[in-house]
Amino acid sequence: MHHTYSPCPSCSAINRYDPARKGGPVCARCKKRLQVDGAVSLLDGAGLAALKTSSPLPVVVDFWADWCGPCKMFAPTFSEAAAKMAGEVVFAKLDTEQHQATAAELGIQSIPTLIVFHRGRQVARFSGAMHLAQFVGWLRSSIQPAATSL
């Protein structure tokens, strides 16, 4: 069983959940439904702030928009990697159209952009879509230094 983490959209509590469990996760604190798609958390700015500083695991965030063709092409790859690497890395998505202030604060200038955070710090960034093997390789190399500093 591989757990992942997600912030609650209502109270910002960080929740651990099993993405394979039926029915979808709810917040342990306020009992509201968490915003997840399988092993991927769907974030707003507050959720990103909470998750990147509170997650015990590295967090990779896909900054995307609905109108972006490469973002849509990369989405299944991101979901597949999330299912493969649950328990090692927390996977999350942030819609840059809905959360423009957060995207601007992080200097997102092209999408998709992937950022890996560990203990609140950005440890890696990549702009553009990748194939699954390339993405998993990049991600593993990005989290390797983070894992050794645990």
Protein backbone atom coordinates (compact mmCIF):
# COMPACT_ATOMS: atom_id res chain seq x y z
CA MET A 1 0.00 0.00 0.00
CA HIS A 2 1.47 3.35 -1.09
CA HIS A 3 0.22 6.52 0.53
CA THR A 4 0.38 10.04 -0.77
CA TYR A 5 -0.45 13.42 0.75
CA SER A 6 -2.97 16.12 -0.08
CA PRO A 7 -3.95 19.43 1.50
CA CYS A 8 -7.59 19.96 2.41
CA PRO A 9 -9.16 22.74 0.31
CA SER A 10 -11.26 23.81 3.31
CA CYS A 11 -8.89 23.80 6.29
CA SER A 12 -5.43 23.27 4.64
CA ALA A 13 -4.66 20.26 6.85
CA ILE A 14 -2.23 17.85 5.19
CA ASN A 15 -3.82 14.42 4.84
CA ARG A 16 -2.22 11.07 4.09
CA TYR A 17 -4.36 8.80 1.92
CA ASP A 18 -4.21 5.63 -0.16
CA PRO A 19 -5.03 6.48 -3.80
CA ALA A 20 -6.19 2.88 -4.42
CA ARG A 21 -8.86 3.07 -1.73
CA LYS A 22 -12.40 3.30 -3.10
CA GLY A 23 -14.67 6.27 -2.39
CA GLY A 24 -12.07 9.04 -2.47
CA PRO A 25 -10.29 10.56 0.51
CA VAL A 26 -11.75 12.95 3.06
CA CYS A 27 -9.96 15.33 5.41
CA ALA A 28 -9.15 13.81 8.78
CA ARG A 29 -9.69 17.19 10.47
CA CYS A 30 -12.85 18.69 8.90
CA LYS A 31 -14.22 15.65 6.98
CA LYS A 32 -14.54 17.54 3.66
CA ARG A 33 -13.66 15.69 0.45
CA LEU A 34 -10.09 16.18 -0.75
CA GLN A 35 -9.50 17.35 -4.32
CA VAL A 36 -7.57 14.50 -5.91
CA ASP A 37 -7.45 12.65 -9.19
CA GLY A 38 -6.08 9.21 -8.34
CA ALA A 39 -2.65 9.83 -6.82
CA VAL A 40 -2.57 13.49 -7.94
CA SER A 41 -3.68 16.37 -5.69
CA LEU A 42 -5.43 19.30 -7.37
CA LEU A 43 -4.13 22.47 -5.72
CA ASP A 44 -4.82 26.13 -5.27
CA GLY A 45 -2.21 28.58 -3.97
CA ALA A 46 -2.94 27.92 -0.29
CA GLY A 47 -2.86 24.16 -0.83
CA LEU A 48 0.48 24.41 -2.60
CA ALA A 49 1.95 26.50 0.21
CA ALA A 50 0.75 24.00 2.82
CA LEU A 51 1.82 20.90 0.89
CA LYS A 52 5.30 22.04 -0.14
CA THR A 53 6.24 22.98 3.44
CA SER A 54 4.46 20.16 5.31
CA SER A 55 4.85 17.06 3.14
CA PRO A 56 7.36 14.56 4.49
CA LEU A 57 7.99 13.52 0.87
CA PRO A 58 9.27 15.59 -2.05
CA VAL A 59 6.42 17.24 -3.99
CA VAL A 60 6.34 17.58 -7.79
CA VAL A 61 3.85 20.09 -9.15
CA ASP A 62 2.63 20.25 -12.75
CA PHE A 63 1.74 23.86 -13.60
CA TRP A 64 -0.69 23.67 -16.53
CA ALA A 65 -3.75 25.23 -18.20
CA ASP A 66 -6.76 23.74 -19.95
CA TRP A 67 -6.02 25.52 -23.25
CA CYS A 68 -2.43 24.18 -23.43
CA GLY A 69 -2.00 21.32 -25.93
CA PRO A 70 1.36 20.07 -24.55
CA CYS A 71 -0.16 20.16 -21.03
CA LYS A 72 -3.02 17.90 -22.15
CA MET A 73 -0.59 15.55 -23.89
CA PHE A 74 1.58 15.34 -20.75
CA ALA A 75 -1.32 14.78 -18.31
CA PRO A 76 -1.53 10.97 -18.77
CA THR A 77 2.25 10.69 -18.32
CA PHE A 78 2.05 12.67 -15.07
CA SER A 79 -0.82 10.47 -13.80
CA GLU A 80 1.02 7.28 -14.75
CA ALA A 81 4.18 8.42 -12.96
CA ALA A 82 2.05 9.32 -9.90
CA ALA A 83 0.59 5.82 -9.79
CA LYS A 84 4.09 4.31 -10.18
CA MET A 85 5.84 6.48 -7.63
CA ALA A 86 3.15 6.91 -4.95
CA GLY A 87 4.85 6.70 -1.57
CA GLU A 88 8.10 8.19 -2.92
CA VAL A 89 6.90 11.55 -4.23
CA VAL A 90 3.70 13.57 -3.86
CA PHE A 91 2.21 14.55 -7.24
CA ALA A 92 0.11 17.68 -7.58
CA LYS A 93 -1.30 19.93 -10.31
CA LEU A 94 -2.01 23.65 -10.26
CA ASP A 95 -4.10 25.31 -13.00
CA THR A 96 -2.23 28.51 -13.89
CA GLU A 97 -5.35 30.12 -15.39
CA GLN A 98 -7.35 29.70 -12.17
CA HIS A 99 -4.41 30.57 -9.91
CA GLN A 100 -2.51 33.26 -11.81
CA ALA A 101 -1.09 34.97 -8.70
CA THR A 102 0.58 31.74 -7.53
CA ALA A 103 1.97 31.08 -11.01
CA ALA A 104 3.34 34.64 -11.20
CA GLU A 105 4.85 34.39 -7.71
CA LEU A 106 6.75 31.28 -8.80
CA GLY A 107 7.85 32.82 -12.10
CA ILE A 108 5.96 30.37 -14.31
CA GLN A 109 6.46 31.74 -17.83
CA SER A 110 5.71 28.69 -19.96
CA ILE A 111 3.61 25.61 -19.45
CA PRO A 112 3.74 22.85 -18.66
CA THR A 113 6.33 23.62 -16.00
CA LEU A 114 7.28 21.02 -13.41
CA ILE A 115 8.74 22.06 -10.07
CA VAL A 116 10.01 19.72 -7.37
CA PHE A 117 9.84 21.03 -3.79
CA HIS A 118 11.36 19.47 -0.70
CA ARG A 119 10.96 20.93 2.79
CA GLY A 120 9.57 24.13 1.29
CA ARG A 121 12.45 24.71 -1.11
CA GLN A 122 12.46 24.38 -4.87
CA VAL A 123 15.02 21.69 -5.77
CA ALA A 124 14.36 21.28 -9.52
CA ARG A 125 12.42 22.86 -12.40
CA PHE A 126 11.71 21.78 -15.97
CA SER A 127 9.57 23.48 -18.61
CA GLY A 128 8.00 21.31 -21.29
CA ALA A 129 6.46 17.88 -21.66
CA MET A 130 8.43 14.63 -21.37
CA HIS A 131 7.91 10.98 -22.16
CA LEU A 132 7.31 8.71 -19.14
CA ALA A 133 10.84 7.26 -18.93
CA GLN A 134 12.40 10.71 -19.31
CA PHE A 135 10.07 12.20 -16.68
CA VAL A 136 10.64 9.42 -14.14
CA GLY A 137 14.41 9.63 -14.71
CA TRP A 138 14.39 13.42 -14.26
CA LEU A 139 12.23 13.12 -11.17
CA ARG A 140 14.37 10.40 -9.55
CA SER A 141 17.55 12.42 -10.17
CA SER A 142 15.83 15.53 -8.80
CA ILE A 143 14.70 13.87 -5.57
CA GLN A 144 17.94 11.92 -5.01
CA PRO A 145 19.72 14.84 -3.30
CA ALA A 146 16.53 15.54 -1.28
CA ALA A 147 16.27 11.91 -0.15
CA THR A 148 19.87 11.80 1.05
CA SER A 149 19.32 14.89 3.21
CA LEU A 150 16.41 13.29 5.12
